[in-house]
Amino acid sequence: MVATATKPTASPTFEVPSFEDATGKIKDLNEKFIESSKSAGLATLDAYEKAVAALVDVEDKVASASQVEWVSTLATTHAKFITDLSTSYAKAARGLLK
């Protein structure tokens, strides 16, 4: 058996960025994260508003199809309440996402 000499490998070198470069990159990353979060929040609000609109539409149909006056009145009143509440919620949430 023949012994072979191994060549020592060089240690990898790393460049450490300056403090300003590092903080600039972190700031850019944070800004991208915030913008992505806002976009996701707005998309979620859009989906929420569509779901509420579908629910209110069903309640309006129930109200118009009912032959019992108090059921019709209750469904209409509840639909208006849900619409008003969700509109206020969505408006406040959109204001926070600006």
Foldseek 3Di string as FASTA:
>chain_A
DDDDDDDDDDDDDDDDDDPVVVVVVVVVVVVVVLVVVLVVLVVVLVVVVVVLVVVLVVLCVVLVPDPDPVSNVVSPVVSVVSVVVSVVVSVVSNVVSD
